[in-house]
């Protein structure tokens, strides 16, 4: 029985299939459903878990080289929310963060190996992670 790290079997199965340069989406609660990619829905209630909760759980065993996020995130969220995301990103060695228009972000989604949906209500808080 797993006792540390990620214990959700669906998340473990999804993450185990990600290889070099593959991508994984971590989405908020309102992100559209994409029937062409596998979705693991972790949303429980509004706010739980958050995108950053999932990112923190992944960081020990998922080597992230790049994160894409919608540039609208910066214009629609308070400074404290932006700082919370930036602090989380700062803990990833050699990370490149690219913010791009939300519509361009959504075009990238179907190329991901999968998507983890959270209960996070943060506007444009969705992330696409690229493995190294």
Protein backbone atom coordinates (compact mmCIF):
# COMPACT_ATOMS: atom_id res chain seq x y z
CA UNK A 1 0.00 0.00 0.00
CA UNK A 2 1.34 3.42 -0.97
CA UNK A 3 1.79 5.61 2.06
CA UNK A 4 3.69 8.62 0.71
CA UNK A 5 3.52 10.82 -2.35
CA UNK A 6 0.64 10.57 -4.78
CA UNK A 7 -1.72 7.78 -3.77
CA UNK A 8 -4.44 8.31 -6.40
CA UNK A 9 -4.12 5.34 -8.81
CA UNK A 10 -5.55 7.25 -11.77
CA UNK A 11 -3.07 10.11 -11.37
CA UNK A 12 -0.20 7.64 -10.94
CA UNK A 13 -1.22 5.75 -14.08
CA UNK A 14 -1.45 8.94 -16.11
CA UNK A 15 1.85 10.38 -14.89
CA UNK A 16 3.66 7.06 -15.43
CA UNK A 17 2.94 7.33 -19.18
CA UNK A 18 4.51 10.76 -19.61
CA UNK A 19 7.90 10.77 -21.30
CA UNK A 20 10.47 13.32 -22.46
CA UNK A 21 8.77 16.42 -23.96
CA UNK A 22 5.24 15.11 -23.32
CA UNK A 23 2.80 17.50 -21.70
CA UNK A 24 0.26 17.30 -18.90
CA UNK A 25 -2.51 19.81 -18.21
CA UNK A 26 -3.58 20.81 -14.71
CA UNK A 27 -6.88 22.67 -14.99
CA UNK A 28 -9.27 24.67 -12.89
CA UNK A 29 -12.84 23.62 -12.19
CA UNK A 30 -14.37 25.41 -15.20
CA UNK A 31 -11.92 24.28 -17.88
CA UNK A 32 -13.70 22.72 -20.88
CA UNK A 33 -13.92 18.95 -21.23
CA UNK A 34 -11.63 17.58 -23.94
CA UNK A 35 -12.95 14.18 -25.10
CA UNK A 36 -9.78 13.44 -27.07
CA UNK A 37 -7.50 13.32 -24.01
CA UNK A 38 -7.70 11.37 -20.79
CA UNK A 39 -9.03 13.37 -17.87
CA UNK A 40 -8.55 12.55 -14.21
CA UNK A 41 -11.07 14.59 -12.26
CA UNK A 42 -9.91 15.38 -8.74
CA UNK A 43 -12.39 18.20 -8.10
CA UNK A 44 -14.12 17.72 -4.77
CA UNK A 45 -15.59 21.09 -3.88
CA UNK A 46 -14.92 24.64 -5.01
CA UNK A 47 -11.31 25.30 -4.09
CA UNK A 48 -10.24 21.71 -3.38
CA UNK A 49 -7.82 20.65 -4.53
CA UNK A 50 -6.10 23.60 -6.18
CA UNK A 51 -3.91 23.64 -9.26
CA UNK A 52 -0.93 24.38 -7.00
CA UNK A 53 -1.82 21.47 -4.68
CA UNK A 54 -1.55 19.13 -7.66
CA UNK A 55 1.64 20.80 -8.93
CA UNK A 56 3.26 20.47 -5.48
CA UNK A 57 2.32 16.77 -5.36
CA UNK A 58 3.83 16.19 -8.82
CA UNK A 59 7.09 18.12 -8.31
CA UNK A 60 9.04 15.43 -6.39
CA UNK A 61 8.68 12.83 -9.16
CA UNK A 62 7.93 14.76 -12.35
CA UNK A 63 10.82 16.65 -13.93
CA UNK A 64 9.26 19.81 -15.32
CA UNK A 65 11.19 21.86 -17.86
CA UNK A 66 8.52 24.28 -19.01
CA UNK A 67 5.15 25.57 -17.87
CA UNK A 68 2.69 27.35 -20.12
CA UNK A 69 -0.02 29.55 -18.64
CA UNK A 70 -2.49 32.02 -20.14
CA UNK A 71 -1.22 35.59 -20.08
CA UNK A 72 -4.73 36.62 -18.96
CA UNK A 73 -3.82 35.10 -15.58
CA UNK A 74 -1.74 38.21 -14.83
CA UNK A 75 -4.51 40.69 -15.71
CA UNK A 76 -7.36 38.97 -13.86
CA UNK A 77 -5.83 37.89 -10.56
CA UNK A 78 -4.71 39.82 -7.47
CA UNK A 79 -1.00 40.24 -6.78
CA UNK A 80 -1.08 37.70 -3.94
CA UNK A 81 -2.42 34.97 -6.25
CA UNK A 82 0.25 35.74 -8.86
CA UNK A 83 2.95 35.68 -6.16
CA UNK A 84 1.67 32.33 -4.85
CA UNK A 85 2.01 30.78 -8.33
CA UNK A 86 5.42 32.42 -8.87
CA UNK A 87 6.69 31.06 -5.51
CA UNK A 88 5.58 27.57 -6.48
CA UNK A 89 7.27 27.88 -9.88
CA UNK A 90 10.48 29.18 -8.25
CA UNK A 91 10.92 25.82 -6.53
CA UNK A 92 11.44 24.05 -9.87
CA UNK A 93 15.08 24.07 -11.05
CA UNK A 94 15.79 25.48 -14.53
CA UNK A 95 12.10 26.07 -15.20
CA UNK A 96 10.93 28.17 -18.15
CA UNK A 97 7.50 29.79 -17.70
CA UNK A 98 5.78 31.08 -20.82
CA UNK A 99 2.55 33.01 -20.71
CA UNK A 100 0.58 33.11 -23.95
CA UNK A 101 -2.94 34.10 -25.04
CA UNK A 102 -5.61 31.83 -23.59
CA UNK A 103 -6.85 30.80 -27.03
CA UNK A 104 -3.32 29.71 -28.01
CA UNK A 105 -3.06 27.85 -24.69
CA UNK A 106 -6.26 25.94 -25.47
CA UNK A 107 -4.93 24.93 -28.90
CA UNK A 108 -2.08 23.12 -27.12
CA UNK A 109 -4.36 21.10 -24.82
CA UNK A 110 -5.32 18.24 -27.19
CA UNK A 111 -1.62 17.39 -27.65
CA UNK A 112 -1.23 16.58 -23.95
CA UNK A 113 -1.02 13.03 -22.62
CA UNK A 114 -3.77 13.90 -20.17
CA UNK A 115 -5.49 16.46 -18.01
CA UNK A 116 -5.98 16.63 -14.26
CA UNK A 117 -9.04 18.69 -13.31
CA UNK A 118 -9.07 20.38 -9.91
CA UNK A 119 -11.62 22.36 -7.92
CA UNK A 120 -9.54 25.52 -8.27
CA UNK A 121 -11.57 28.67 -9.06
CA UNK A 122 -8.49 30.80 -9.93
CA UNK A 123 -9.16 32.62 -13.19
CA UNK A 124 -6.83 31.36 -15.93
CA UNK A 125 -4.92 29.32 -13.35
CA UNK A 126 -4.58 26.38 -15.75
CA UNK A 127 -1.10 25.03 -16.47
CA UNK A 128 0.48 22.91 -19.16
CA UNK A 129 3.59 21.12 -17.88
CA UNK A 130 6.27 19.81 -20.23
CA UNK A 131 8.45 16.98 -18.98
CA UNK A 132 12.19 17.21 -19.49
